[in-house]
Amino acid sequence: MPSVSAKQARFMQAVAHDSGFAKKVGVSQSVGRDFAKADNAAGITKNPDRRTKGHRAAVSRGAVHPRSHSEFERLGK
């Protein structure tokens, strides 16, 4: 079963990869691995906005991040 939100996907990835965190939050690592595997199959964990080194350099220089800019355009602001 894939995650229903990006927040849940990140949480399950953390559970799958960190046994201490899994124990702390009370979720077994096998459950986290199952969710992570389903998320990978569904394409949820892929980041389509990821760019090359040049993009990261532009962002660090204070350029507007494409995702946040597109969000403002979509909202009409």
N, C-alpha and C. Protein backbone atom coordinates (compact mmCIF):
# COMPACT_ATOMS: atom_id res chain seq x y z
N MET A 1 0.85 -1.17 0.00
CA MET A 1 0.00 0.00 0.00
C MET A 1 0.90 1.24 0.00
N PRO A 2 0.80 2.09 -1.01
CA PRO A 2 1.63 3.29 -1.03
C PRO A 2 1.14 4.33 -0.02
N SER A 3 2.00 5.25 0.31
CA SER A 3 1.67 6.31 1.25
C SER A 3 0.60 7.23 0.67
N VAL A 4 -0.16 7.87 1.55
CA VAL A 4 -1.23 8.76 1.11
C VAL A 4 -0.78 10.22 1.06
N SER A 5 0.41 10.52 1.59
CA SER A 5 0.92 11.88 1.56
C SER A 5 2.45 11.85 1.52
N ALA A 6 3.02 12.96 1.15
CA ALA A 6 4.49 13.07 1.12
C ALA A 6 5.05 12.95 2.54
N LYS A 7 4.34 13.48 3.50
CA LYS A 7 4.78 13.40 4.89
C LYS A 7 4.84 11.95 5.36
N GLN A 8 3.82 11.18 5.02
CA GLN A 8 3.81 9.77 5.40
C GLN A 8 4.92 9.02 4.67
N ALA A 9 5.17 9.35 3.42
CA ALA A 9 6.23 8.68 2.66
C ALA A 9 7.58 8.93 3.30
N ARG A 10 7.86 10.18 3.70
CA ARG A 10 9.13 10.49 4.37
C ARG A 10 9.24 9.75 5.70
N PHE A 11 8.13 9.71 6.44
CA PHE A 11 8.11 9.02 7.72
C PHE A 11 8.44 7.54 7.55
N MET A 12 7.80 6.90 6.58
CA MET A 12 8.02 5.47 6.36
C MET A 12 9.43 5.20 5.84
N GLN A 13 9.98 6.12 5.05
CA GLN A 13 11.37 5.96 4.60
C GLN A 13 12.30 6.00 5.82
N ALA A 14 12.04 6.91 6.74
CA ALA A 14 12.85 7.01 7.95
C ALA A 14 12.74 5.74 8.79
N VAL A 15 11.53 5.23 8.93
CA VAL A 15 11.32 4.00 9.69
C VAL A 15 12.06 2.84 9.03
N ALA A 16 11.99 2.76 7.71
CA ALA A 16 12.63 1.66 6.99
C ALA A 16 14.14 1.68 7.11
N HIS A 17 14.73 2.87 7.24
CA HIS A 17 16.18 2.98 7.20
C HIS A 17 16.85 3.20 8.54
N ASP A 18 16.08 3.42 9.61
CA ASP A 18 16.68 3.71 10.91
C ASP A 18 15.96 2.90 11.99
N SER A 19 16.64 1.87 12.49
CA SER A 19 16.01 0.99 13.47
C SER A 19 15.72 1.71 14.79
N GLY A 20 16.59 2.64 15.17
CA GLY A 20 16.36 3.40 16.40
C GLY A 20 15.12 4.27 16.31
N PHE A 21 14.93 4.91 15.17
CA PHE A 21 13.75 5.74 14.96
C PHE A 21 12.49 4.87 14.94
N ALA A 22 12.59 3.72 14.27
CA ALA A 22 11.44 2.81 14.20
C ALA A 22 11.01 2.37 15.59
N LYS A 23 11.98 2.05 16.43
CA LYS A 23 11.67 1.62 17.79
C LYS A 23 11.07 2.77 18.59
N LYS A 24 11.61 3.98 18.40
CA LYS A 24 11.14 5.16 19.13
C LYS A 24 9.68 5.48 18.81
N VAL A 25 9.29 5.37 17.54
CA VAL A 25 7.92 5.73 17.15
C VAL A 25 6.97 4.54 17.22
N GLY A 26 7.49 3.33 17.43
CA GLY A 26 6.64 2.17 17.60
C GLY A 26 6.12 1.55 16.32
N VAL A 27 6.84 1.74 15.23
CA VAL A 27 6.45 1.14 13.95
C VAL A 27 7.56 0.18 13.55
N SER A 28 7.19 -1.04 13.19
CA SER A 28 8.23 -2.01 12.85
C SER A 28 8.87 -1.66 11.50
N GLN A 29 10.15 -2.00 11.38
CA GLN A 29 10.86 -1.69 10.15
C GLN A 29 10.29 -2.42 8.95
N SER A 30 9.72 -3.60 9.16
CA SER A 30 9.15 -4.33 8.03
C SER A 30 7.96 -3.56 7.43
N VAL A 31 7.19 -2.89 8.27
CA VAL A 31 6.08 -2.07 7.78
C VAL A 31 6.64 -0.90 6.98
N GLY A 32 7.67 -0.24 7.51
CA GLY A 32 8.31 0.86 6.80
C GLY A 32 8.87 0.43 5.46
N ARG A 33 9.49 -0.75 5.43
CA ARG A 33 10.05 -1.27 4.17
C ARG A 33 8.94 -1.57 3.16
N ASP A 34 7.82 -2.12 3.64
CA ASP A 34 6.70 -2.40 2.74
C ASP A 34 6.16 -1.11 2.11
N PHE A 35 5.99 -0.08 2.94
CA PHE A 35 5.52 1.19 2.42
C PHE A 35 6.53 1.80 1.46
N ALA A 36 7.82 1.75 1.82
CA ALA A 36 8.86 2.32 0.96
C ALA A 36 8.90 1.61 -0.38
N LYS A 37 8.75 0.30 -0.36
CA LYS A 37 8.75 -0.48 -1.61
C LYS A 37 7.55 -0.11 -2.47
N ALA A 38 6.37 0.04 -1.85
CA ALA A 38 5.17 0.41 -2.60
C ALA A 38 5.28 1.84 -3.14
N ASP A 39 5.89 2.74 -2.35
CA ASP A 39 6.08 4.12 -2.80
C ASP A 39 7.02 4.17 -4.01
N ASN A 40 8.08 3.39 -3.97
CA ASN A 40 9.01 3.34 -5.09
C ASN A 40 8.32 2.81 -6.34
N ALA A 41 7.50 1.78 -6.18
CA ALA A 41 6.79 1.20 -7.33
C ALA A 41 5.78 2.19 -7.90
N ALA A 42 5.15 2.99 -7.04
CA ALA A 42 4.15 3.95 -7.49
C ALA A 42 4.78 5.24 -8.00
N GLY A 43 6.09 5.41 -7.78
CA GLY A 43 6.78 6.61 -8.24
C GLY A 43 6.62 7.80 -7.31
N ILE A 44 6.19 7.56 -6.09
CA ILE A 44 5.98 8.65 -5.13
C ILE A 44 7.30 9.24 -4.67
N THR A 45 8.32 8.43 -4.52
CA THR A 45 9.58 8.91 -3.97
C THR A 45 10.46 9.61 -4.98
N LYS A 46 10.10 9.59 -6.25
CA LYS A 46 10.91 10.28 -7.25
C LYS A 46 10.61 11.76 -7.20
N ASN A 47 11.65 12.57 -7.32
CA ASN A 47 11.51 14.01 -7.25
C ASN A 47 11.66 14.61 -8.64
N PRO A 48 10.56 14.97 -9.32
CA PRO A 48 10.66 15.49 -10.68
C PRO A 48 11.28 16.88 -10.76
N ASP A 49 11.36 17.60 -9.64
CA ASP A 49 11.93 18.95 -9.65
C ASP A 49 13.44 18.96 -9.46
N ARG A 50 14.04 17.81 -9.29
CA ARG A 50 15.47 17.75 -9.05
C ARG A 50 16.21 18.18 -10.31
N ARG A 51 17.18 19.03 -10.16
CA ARG A 51 17.93 19.57 -11.30
C ARG A 51 19.42 19.26 -11.16
N THR A 52 20.21 19.85 -12.01
CA THR A 52 21.65 19.64 -12.02
C THR A 52 22.33 20.52 -10.99
N LYS A 53 23.66 20.44 -10.92
CA LYS A 53 24.42 21.25 -9.98
C LYS A 53 24.16 22.74 -10.18
N GLY A 54 24.00 23.16 -11.42
CA GLY A 54 23.76 24.57 -11.70
C GLY A 54 22.51 25.09 -11.01
N HIS A 55 21.49 24.24 -10.95
CA HIS A 55 20.25 24.64 -10.27
C HIS A 55 20.50 24.84 -8.79
N ARG A 56 21.23 23.91 -8.18
CA ARG A 56 21.50 24.04 -6.75
C ARG A 56 22.30 25.30 -6.47
N ALA A 57 23.25 25.62 -7.36
CA ALA A 57 24.05 26.83 -7.18
C ALA A 57 23.16 28.06 -7.30
N ALA A 58 22.22 28.06 -8.25
CA ALA A 58 21.32 29.21 -8.42
C ALA A 58 20.43 29.38 -7.20
N VAL A 59 19.96 28.28 -6.65
CA VAL A 59 19.12 28.35 -5.46
C VAL A 59 19.91 28.90 -4.28
N SER A 60 21.16 28.46 -4.14
CA SER A 60 21.97 28.94 -3.02
C SER A 60 22.31 30.42 -3.17
N ARG A 61 22.30 30.95 -4.42
CA ARG A 61 22.56 32.37 -4.63
C ARG A 61 21.30 33.21 -4.39
N GLY A 62 20.19 32.59 -4.08
CA GLY A 62 18.99 33.33 -3.77
C GLY A 62 17.96 33.35 -4.88
N ALA A 63 18.15 32.55 -5.93
CA ALA A 63 17.17 32.48 -7.00
C ALA A 63 15.89 31.83 -6.47
N VAL A 64 14.78 32.12 -7.11
CA VAL A 64 13.50 31.55 -6.69
C VAL A 64 13.47 30.08 -7.06
N HIS A 65 13.08 29.25 -6.11
CA HIS A 65 12.99 27.82 -6.36
C HIS A 65 11.82 27.57 -7.30
N PRO A 66 12.00 26.74 -8.35
CA PRO A 66 10.93 26.52 -9.33
C PRO A 66 9.62 26.01 -8.72
N ARG A 67 9.73 25.16 -7.73
CA ARG A 67 8.52 24.61 -7.14
C ARG A 67 7.72 25.72 -6.43
N SER A 68 8.41 26.55 -5.66
CA SER A 68 7.69 27.59 -4.94
C SER A 68 7.13 28.62 -5.91
N HIS A 69 7.86 28.94 -6.97
CA HIS A 69 7.40 29.90 -7.96
C HIS A 69 6.15 29.38 -8.67
N SER A 70 6.17 28.10 -9.05
CA SER A 70 5.02 27.54 -9.74
C SER A 70 3.80 27.48 -8.79
N GLU A 71 4.06 27.28 -7.52
CA GLU A 71 2.96 27.28 -6.56
C GLU A 71 2.27 28.64 -6.54
N PHE A 72 3.07 29.72 -6.55
CA PHE A 72 2.51 31.06 -6.54
C PHE A 72 1.74 31.33 -7.83
N GLU A 73 2.29 30.87 -8.97
CA GLU A 73 1.60 31.08 -10.24
C GLU A 73 0.25 30.34 -10.24
N ARG A 74 0.26 29.11 -9.72
CA ARG A 74 -0.96 28.32 -9.70
C ARG A 74 -2.01 28.97 -8.81
N LEU A 75 -1.56 29.57 -7.72
CA LEU A 75 -2.49 30.20 -6.81
C LEU A 75 -2.92 31.59 -7.29
N GLY A 76 -2.26 32.10 -8.35
CA GLY A 76 -2.63 33.38 -8.91
C GLY A 76 -2.12 34.56 -8.11
N LYS A 77 -0.98 34.37 -7.45
CA LYS A 77 -0.42 35.48 -6.62
C LYS A 77 0.72 36.12 -7.34
